[in-house]
Amino acid sequence: MTSSASDAARVEPFRIDFPQSDLDDLHQRLDRTRWPDELPGVGWAYGVPREYLRSRAPGRRPSPTR
């Protein structure tokens, strides 16, 4: 069987399904995370700033997306 370049470039939908209990557990653990202090005024020089990371943690979202 041969495949063409158009076959290789075709996007096919897929679904990843995690049990809701796993997502709930993840959100609870993120809610309990102890975020480290950060050095004042260093920005990105020593890694990801705490507030930037906290704002993107799944447990910090107003409502989980399913």
PDB file of N, CA and C in Angstrom:
ATOM      1  N   MET A   1       0.847  -1.174   0.000  1.00  0.00           N
ATOM      2  CA  MET A   1       0.000   0.000   0.000  1.00  0.00           C
ATOM      3  C   MET A   1       0.892   1.237   0.000  1.00  0.00           C
ATOM      4  N   THR A   2       0.579   2.181  -0.820  1.00  0.00           N
ATOM      5  CA  THR A   2       1.343   3.423  -0.870  1.00  0.00           C
ATOM      6  C   THR A   2       0.485   4.561  -0.334  1.00  0.00           C
ATOM      7  N   SER A   3       1.164   5.568   0.171  1.00  0.00           N
ATOM      8  CA  SER A   3       0.427   6.745   0.636  1.00  0.00           C
ATOM      9  C   SER A   3       1.007   7.971  -0.041  1.00  0.00           C
ATOM     10  N   SER A   4       0.155   8.891  -0.336  1.00  0.00           N
ATOM     11  CA  SER A   4       0.601  10.116  -0.988  1.00  0.00           C
ATOM     12  C   SER A   4       0.907  11.171   0.063  1.00  0.00           C
ATOM     13  N   ALA A   5       1.517  12.258  -0.365  1.00  0.00           N
ATOM     14  CA  ALA A   5       1.832  13.363   0.539  1.00  0.00           C
ATOM     15  C   ALA A   5       0.554  13.956   1.120  1.00  0.00           C
ATOM     16  N   SER A   6      -0.515  13.976   0.329  1.00  0.00           N
ATOM     17  CA  SER A   6      -1.769  14.537   0.843  1.00  0.00           C
ATOM     18  C   SER A   6      -2.352  13.652   1.942  1.00  0.00           C
ATOM     19  N   ASP A   7      -2.159  12.330   1.839  1.00  0.00           N
ATOM     20  CA  ASP A   7      -2.612  11.434   2.908  1.00  0.00           C
ATOM     21  C   ASP A   7      -1.837  11.699   4.193  1.00  0.00           C
ATOM     22  N   ALA A   8      -0.547  11.915   4.078  1.00  0.00           N
ATOM     23  CA  ALA A   8       0.293  12.147   5.256  1.00  0.00           C
ATOM     24  C   ALA A   8      -0.036  13.477   5.924  1.00  0.00           C
ATOM     25  N   ALA A   9      -0.498  14.453   5.156  1.00  0.00           N
ATOM     26  CA  ALA A   9      -0.779  15.780   5.695  1.00  0.00           C
ATOM     27  C   ALA A   9      -2.218  15.918   6.191  1.00  0.00           C
ATOM     28  N   ARG A  10      -3.033  14.907   5.958  1.00  0.00           N
ATOM     29  CA  ARG A  10      -4.439  14.998   6.345  1.00  0.00           C
ATOM     30  C   ARG A  10      -4.567  14.981   7.874  1.00  0.00           C
ATOM     31  N   VAL A  11      -5.363  15.884   8.377  1.00  0.00           N
ATOM     32  CA  VAL A  11      -5.611  15.959   9.817  1.00  0.00           C
ATOM     33  C   VAL A  11      -6.839  15.120  10.138  1.00  0.00           C
ATOM     34  N   GLU A  12      -6.687  14.226  11.098  1.00  0.00           N
ATOM     35  CA  GLU A  12      -7.807  13.384  11.498  1.00  0.00           C
ATOM     36  C   GLU A  12      -8.159  13.676  12.949  1.00  0.00           C
ATOM     37  N   PRO A  13      -9.434  13.834  13.250  1.00  0.00           N
ATOM     38  CA  PRO A  13      -9.822  14.121  14.636  1.00  0.00           C
ATOM     39  C   PRO A  13      -9.548  12.921  15.541  1.00  0.00           C
ATOM     40  N   PHE A  14      -9.268  13.216  16.789  1.00  0.00           N
ATOM     41  CA  PHE A  14      -9.101  12.160  17.780  1.00  0.00           C
ATOM     42  C   PHE A  14      -9.601  12.677  19.114  1.00  0.00           C
ATOM     43  N   ARG A  15      -9.823  11.778  20.019  1.00  0.00           N
ATOM     44  CA  ARG A  15     -10.350  12.154  21.333  1.00  0.00           C
ATOM     45  C   ARG A  15      -9.496  11.486  22.403  1.00  0.00           C
ATOM     46  N   ILE A  16      -9.133  12.268  23.390  1.00  0.00           N
ATOM     47  CA  ILE A  16      -8.435  11.742  24.553  1.00  0.00           C
ATOM     48  C   ILE A  16      -9.443  11.773  25.687  1.00  0.00           C
ATOM     49  N   ASP A  17      -9.637  10.653  26.329  1.00  0.00           N
ATOM     50  CA  ASP A  17     -10.664  10.576  27.361  1.00  0.00           C
ATOM     51  C   ASP A  17     -10.049  10.151  28.687  1.00  0.00           C
ATOM     52  N   PHE A  18     -10.083  11.058  29.662  1.00  0.00           N
ATOM     53  CA  PHE A  18      -9.622  10.770  31.014  1.00  0.00           C
ATOM     54  C   PHE A  18     -10.846  10.680  31.909  1.00  0.00           C
ATOM     55  N   PRO A  19     -10.840   9.771  32.854  1.00  0.00           N
ATOM     56  CA  PRO A  19     -11.966   9.733  33.792  1.00  0.00           C
ATOM     57  C   PRO A  19     -12.064  11.051  34.563  1.00  0.00           C
ATOM     58  N   GLN A  20     -13.277  11.499  34.837  1.00  0.00           N
ATOM     59  CA  GLN A  20     -13.479  12.739  35.578  1.00  0.00           C
ATOM     60  C   GLN A  20     -12.791  12.676  36.933  1.00  0.00           C
ATOM     61  N   SER A  21     -12.742  11.498  37.548  1.00  0.00           N
ATOM     62  CA  SER A  21     -12.094  11.361  38.859  1.00  0.00           C
ATOM     63  C   SER A  21     -10.605  11.708  38.779  1.00  0.00           C
ATOM     64  N   ASP A  22      -9.954  11.372  37.657  1.00  0.00           N
ATOM     65  CA  ASP A  22      -8.538  11.731  37.479  1.00  0.00           C
ATOM     66  C   ASP A  22      -8.374  13.245  37.369  1.00  0.00           C
ATOM     67  N   LEU A  23      -9.269  13.887  36.633  1.00  0.00           N
ATOM     68  CA  LEU A  23      -9.201  15.344  36.490  1.00  0.00           C
ATOM     69  C   LEU A  23      -9.491  16.035  37.817  1.00  0.00           C
ATOM     70  N   ASP A  24     -10.464  15.520  38.561  1.00  0.00           N
ATOM     71  CA  ASP A  24     -10.775  16.087  39.878  1.00  0.00           C
ATOM     72  C   ASP A  24      -9.576  15.971  40.807  1.00  0.00           C
ATOM     73  N   ASP A  25      -8.914  14.811  40.782  1.00  0.00           N
ATOM     74  CA  ASP A  25      -7.731  14.593  41.613  1.00  0.00           C
ATOM     75  C   ASP A  25      -6.625  15.575  41.244  1.00  0.00           C
ATOM     76  N   LEU A  26      -6.391  15.764  39.960  1.00  0.00           N
ATOM     77  CA  LEU A  26      -5.371  16.708  39.505  1.00  0.00           C
ATOM     78  C   LEU A  26      -5.689  18.118  40.005  1.00  0.00           C
ATOM     79  N   HIS A  27      -6.924  18.547  39.861  1.00  0.00           N
ATOM     80  CA  HIS A  27      -7.311  19.895  40.294  1.00  0.00           C
ATOM     81  C   HIS A  27      -7.145  20.057  41.797  1.00  0.00           C
ATOM     82  N   GLN A  28      -7.497  19.031  42.561  1.00  0.00           N
ATOM     83  CA  GLN A  28      -7.347  19.108  44.018  1.00  0.00           C
ATOM     84  C   GLN A  28      -5.879  19.202  44.418  1.00  0.00           C
ATOM     85  N   ARG A  29      -5.029  18.411  43.763  1.00  0.00           N
ATOM     86  CA  ARG A  29      -3.599  18.470  44.088  1.00  0.00           C
ATOM     87  C   ARG A  29      -3.005  19.814  43.704  1.00  0.00           C
ATOM     88  N   LEU A  30      -3.429  20.374  42.576  1.00  0.00           N
ATOM     89  CA  LEU A  30      -2.934  21.697  42.191  1.00  0.00           C
ATOM     90  C   LEU A  30      -3.416  22.772  43.159  1.00  0.00           C
ATOM     91  N   ASP A  31      -4.632  22.619  43.658  1.00  0.00           N
ATOM     92  CA  ASP A  31      -5.137  23.570  44.656  1.00  0.00           C
ATOM     93  C   ASP A  31      -4.313  23.525  45.941  1.00  0.00           C
ATOM     94  N   ARG A  32      -3.741  22.361  46.258  1.00  0.00           N
ATOM     95  CA  ARG A  32      -2.940  22.209  47.480  1.00  0.00           C
ATOM     96  C   ARG A  32      -1.453  22.501  47.261  1.00  0.00           C
ATOM     97  N   THR A  33      -1.081  22.869  46.046  1.00  0.00           N
ATOM     98  CA  THR A  33       0.328  23.129  45.739  1.00  0.00           C
ATOM     99  C   THR A  33       0.862  24.280  46.572  1.00  0.00           C
ATOM    100  N   ARG A  34       2.044  24.072  47.128  1.00  0.00           N
ATOM    101  CA  ARG A  34       2.727  25.157  47.840  1.00  0.00           C
ATOM    102  C   ARG A  34       3.669  25.813  46.837  1.00  0.00           C
ATOM    103  N   TRP A  35       3.301  26.981  46.381  1.00  0.00           N
ATOM    104  CA  TRP A  35       4.087  27.686  45.376  1.00  0.00           C
ATOM    105  C   TRP A  35       5.289  28.341  46.051  1.00  0.00           C
ATOM    106  N   PRO A  36       6.472  28.208  45.461  1.00  0.00           N
ATOM    107  CA  PRO A  36       7.682  28.766  46.080  1.00  0.00           C
ATOM    108  C   PRO A  36       7.704  30.294  46.028  1.00  0.00           C
ATOM    109  N   ASP A  37       8.446  30.868  46.964  1.00  0.00           N
ATOM    110  CA  ASP A  37       8.691  32.305  46.902  1.00  0.00           C
ATOM    111  C   ASP A  37       9.570  32.568  45.688  1.00  0.00           C
ATOM    112  N   GLU A  38       9.566  33.788  45.230  1.00  0.00           N
ATOM    113  CA  GLU A  38      10.439  34.098  44.097  1.00  0.00           C
ATOM    114  C   GLU A  38      11.261  35.331  44.432  1.00  0.00           C
ATOM    115  N   LEU A  39      12.429  35.386  43.842  1.00  0.00           N
ATOM    116  CA  LEU A  39      13.310  36.521  44.079  1.00  0.00           C
ATOM    117  C   LEU A  39      12.700  37.771  43.459  1.00  0.00           C
ATOM    118  N   PRO A  40      12.708  38.878  44.165  1.00  0.00           N
ATOM    119  CA  PRO A  40      12.104  40.098  43.623  1.00  0.00           C
ATOM    120  C   PRO A  40      12.885  40.650  42.433  1.00  0.00           C
ATOM    121  N   GLY A  41      12.144  41.037  41.413  1.00  0.00           N
ATOM    122  CA  GLY A  41      12.734  41.737  40.283  1.00  0.00           C
ATOM    123  C   GLY A  41      13.554  40.918  39.302  1.00  0.00           C
ATOM    124  N   VAL A  42      13.512  39.578  39.365  1.00  0.00           N
ATOM    125  CA  VAL A  42      14.347  38.802  38.442  1.00  0.00           C
ATOM    126  C   VAL A  42      13.607  38.387  37.177  1.00  0.00           C
ATOM    127  N   GLY A  43      12.271  38.507  37.170  1.00  0.00           N
ATOM    128  CA  GLY A  43      11.513  38.154  35.969  1.00  0.00           C
ATOM    129  C   GLY A  43      11.758  36.717  35.548  1.00  0.00           C
ATOM    130  N   TRP A  44      12.105  36.539  34.285  1.00  0.00           N
ATOM    131  CA  TRP A  44      12.308  35.204  33.720  1.00  0.00           C
ATOM    132  C   TRP A  44      13.755  34.719  33.855  1.00  0.00           C
ATOM    133  N   ALA A  45      14.623  35.486  34.471  1.00  0.00           N
ATOM    134  CA  ALA A  45      16.045  35.129  34.544  1.00  0.00           C
ATOM    135  C   ALA A  45      16.290  33.819  35.295  1.00  0.00           C
ATOM    136  N   TYR A  46      15.433  33.476  36.250  1.00  0.00           N
ATOM    137  CA  TYR A  46      15.616  32.255  37.040  1.00  0.00           C
ATOM    138  C   TYR A  46      14.479  31.262  36.833  1.00  0.00           C
ATOM    139  N   GLY A  47      13.851  31.299  35.686  1.00  0.00           N
ATOM    140  CA  GLY A  47      12.765  30.369  35.400  1.00  0.00           C
ATOM    141  C   GLY A  47      11.440  31.096  35.227  1.00  0.00           C
ATOM    142  N   VAL A  48      10.383  30.314  35.250  1.00  0.00           N
ATOM    143  CA  VAL A  48       9.043  30.856  35.029  1.00  0.00           C
ATOM    144  C   VAL A  48       8.583  31.613  36.274  1.00  0.00           C
ATOM    145  N   PRO A  49       8.152  32.857  36.128  1.00  0.00           N
ATOM    146  CA  PRO A  49       7.635  33.594  37.283  1.00  0.00           C
ATOM    147  C   PRO A  49       6.431  32.878  37.909  1.00  0.00           C
ATOM    148  N   ARG A  50       6.376  32.891  39.227  1.00  0.00           N
ATOM    149  CA  ARG A  50       5.348  32.162  39.970  1.00  0.00           C
ATOM    150  C   ARG A  50       3.935  32.520  39.516  1.00  0.00           C
ATOM    151  N   GLU A  51       3.612  33.793  39.417  1.00  0.00           N
ATOM    152  CA  GLU A  51       2.241  34.176  39.073  1.00  0.00           C
ATOM    153  C   GLU A  51       1.873  33.770  37.647  1.00  0.00           C
ATOM    154  N   TYR A  52       2.842  33.791  36.741  1.00  0.00           N
ATOM    155  CA  TYR A  52       2.587  33.336  35.371  1.00  0.00           C
ATOM    156  C   TYR A  52       2.211  31.859  35.393  1.00  0.00           C
ATOM    157  N   LEU A  53       2.968  31.070  36.132  1.00  0.00           N
ATOM    158  CA  LEU A  53       2.712  29.636  36.216  1.00  0.00           C
ATOM    159  C   LEU A  53       1.391  29.351  36.931  1.00  0.00           C
ATOM    160  N   ARG A  54       1.148  30.033  38.035  1.00  0.00           N
ATOM    161  CA  ARG A  54      -0.097  29.824  38.789  1.00  0.00           C
ATOM    162  C   ARG A  54      -1.319  30.130  37.938  1.00  0.00           C
ATOM    163  N   SER A  55      -1.230  31.158  37.107  1.00  0.00           N
ATOM    164  CA  SER A  55      -2.387  31.535  36.291  1.00  0.00           C
ATOM    165  C   SER A  55      -2.698  30.492  35.226  1.00  0.00           C
ATOM    166  N   ARG A  56      -1.750  29.625  34.940  1.00  0.00           N
ATOM    167  CA  ARG A  56      -1.947  28.614  33.907  1.00  0.00           C
ATOM    168  C   ARG A  56      -2.142  27.207  34.456  1.00  0.00           C
ATOM    169  N   ALA A  57      -2.055  27.046  35.751  1.00  0.00           N
ATOM    170  CA  ALA A  57      -2.260  25.731  36.361  1.00  0.00           C
ATOM    171  C   ALA A  57      -3.733  25.345  36.230  1.00  0.00           C
ATOM    172  N   PRO A  58      -4.020  24.119  35.748  1.00  0.00           N
ATOM    173  CA  PRO A  58      -5.415  23.721  35.526  1.00  0.00           C
ATOM    174  C   PRO A  58      -6.324  23.888  36.735  1.00  0.00           C
ATOM    175  N   GLY A  59      -5.823  23.685  37.932  1.00  0.00           N
ATOM    176  CA  GLY A  59      -6.652  23.827  39.119  1.00  0.00           C
ATOM    177  C   GLY A  59      -7.043  25.259  39.399  1.00  0.00           C
ATOM    178  N   ARG A  60      -6.412  26.210  38.719  1.00  0.00           N
ATOM    179  CA  ARG A  60      -6.685  27.628  38.941  1.00  0.00           C
ATOM    180  C   ARG A  60      -7.713  28.169  37.963  1.00  0.00           C
ATOM    181  N   ARG A  61      -8.186  27.362  37.062  1.00  0.00           N
ATOM    182  CA  ARG A  61      -9.195  27.830  36.109  1.00  0.00           C
ATOM    183  C   ARG A  61     -10.525  28.023  36.819  1.00  0.00           C
ATOM    184  N   PRO A  62     -11.287  29.026  36.430  1.00  0.00           N
ATOM    185  CA  PRO A  62     -12.584  29.250  37.076  1.00  0.00           C
ATOM    186  C   PRO A  62     -13.511  28.044  36.972  1.00  0.00           C
ATOM    187  N   SER A  63     -13.533  27.382  35.813  1.00  0.00           N
ATOM    188  CA  SER A  63     -14.343  26.173  35.663  1.00  0.00           C
ATOM    189  C   SER A  63     -13.598  25.212  34.750  1.00  0.00           C
ATOM    190  N   PRO A  64     -13.506  23.943  35.135  1.00  0.00           N
ATOM    191  CA  PRO A  64     -12.769  22.976  34.315  1.00  0.00           C
ATOM    192  C   PRO A  64     -13.432  22.798  32.953  1.00  0.00           C
ATOM    193  N   THR A  65     -12.614  22.677  31.945  1.00  0.00           N
ATOM    194  CA  THR A  65     -13.116  22.464  30.592  1.00  0.00           C
ATOM    195  C   THR A  65     -13.104  20.972  30.313  1.00  0.00           C
ATOM    196  N   ARG A  66     -14.119  20.491  29.755  1.00  0.00           N
ATOM    197  CA  ARG A  66     -14.212  19.059  29.502  1.00  0.00           C
ATOM    198  C   ARG A  66     -14.377  18.822  28.039  1.00  0.00           C
TER     199      ARG A  66
END
